[in-house]
Amino acid sequence: MKIKNLMWLLCLVISKLAFADCFDKAGSYYHLDPDYLRAIAWQESNFNPKTKIKMDPLI
């Protein structure tokens, strides 16, 4: 049981590190501040990658 819990914890930590790294890589590639990109992601979707943005097609 302890090994299973440890594996879950390890997976969560690794996924959080990869998530944080994507903003750093994108910021470096596009010459933008990674914190600016994080702020946009927070405002638009609250860091939820499954969020669907509904847009009015007439705008």
Protein backbone atom coordinates (compact mmCIF):
# COMPACT_ATOMS: atom_id res chain seq x y z
CA MET A 1 0.00 0.00 0.00
CA LYS A 2 2.81 2.42 0.81
CA ILE A 3 4.45 1.82 -2.57
CA LYS A 4 1.20 2.55 -4.38
CA ASN A 5 0.75 5.83 -2.48
CA LEU A 6 4.36 6.75 -3.14
CA MET A 7 3.90 6.13 -6.86
CA TRP A 8 0.82 8.37 -6.96
CA LEU A 9 2.71 11.11 -5.15
CA LEU A 10 5.61 10.79 -7.56
CA CYS A 11 3.29 11.03 -10.57
CA LEU A 12 1.67 14.17 -9.17
CA VAL A 13 5.00 15.85 -8.51
CA ILE A 14 6.35 15.01 -11.95
CA SER A 15 3.21 16.27 -13.70
CA LYS A 16 3.34 19.56 -11.77
CA LEU A 17 6.97 20.05 -12.75
CA ALA A 18 6.19 19.41 -16.41
CA PHE A 19 3.23 21.79 -16.23
CA ALA A 20 5.40 24.56 -14.78
CA ASP A 21 8.12 23.95 -17.34
CA CYS A 22 5.80 24.48 -20.31
CA PHE A 23 5.33 28.15 -19.40
CA ASP A 24 9.08 28.64 -19.10
CA LYS A 25 9.69 27.03 -22.48
CA ALA A 26 6.93 28.98 -24.22
CA GLY A 27 8.10 32.22 -22.63
CA SER A 28 11.63 31.61 -23.80
CA TYR A 29 10.52 30.68 -27.32
CA TYR A 30 8.24 33.71 -27.77
CA HIS A 31 10.38 36.10 -25.68
CA LEU A 32 7.63 36.61 -23.10
CA ASP A 33 7.69 36.58 -19.32
CA PRO A 34 6.55 33.11 -18.11
CA ASP A 35 4.62 34.76 -15.26
CA TYR A 36 2.65 36.74 -17.85
CA LEU A 37 1.70 33.47 -19.58
CA ARG A 38 0.73 31.93 -16.23
CA ALA A 39 -1.48 34.94 -15.49
CA ILE A 40 -3.26 34.53 -18.82
CA ALA A 41 -3.78 30.81 -18.20
CA TRP A 42 -5.14 31.55 -14.73
CA GLN A 43 -7.54 34.22 -16.01
CA GLU A 44 -8.79 32.22 -18.99
CA SER A 45 -9.19 28.74 -17.52
CA ASN A 46 -7.99 28.68 -13.90
CA PHE A 47 -5.23 26.32 -15.12
CA ASN A 48 -7.82 23.75 -16.24
CA PRO A 49 -6.56 22.20 -19.51
CA LYS A 50 -10.03 20.78 -20.29
CA THR A 51 -11.76 24.16 -20.31
CA LYS A 52 -13.74 24.93 -23.44
CA ILE A 53 -13.94 28.62 -24.32
CA LYS A 54 -17.27 29.59 -25.83
CA MET A 55 -16.85 32.32 -28.40
CA ASP A 56 -19.50 34.22 -30.28
CA PRO A 57 -18.90 33.53 -34.01
CA LEU A 58 -20.09 37.05 -34.90
CA ILE A 59 -17.31 38.75 -32.96
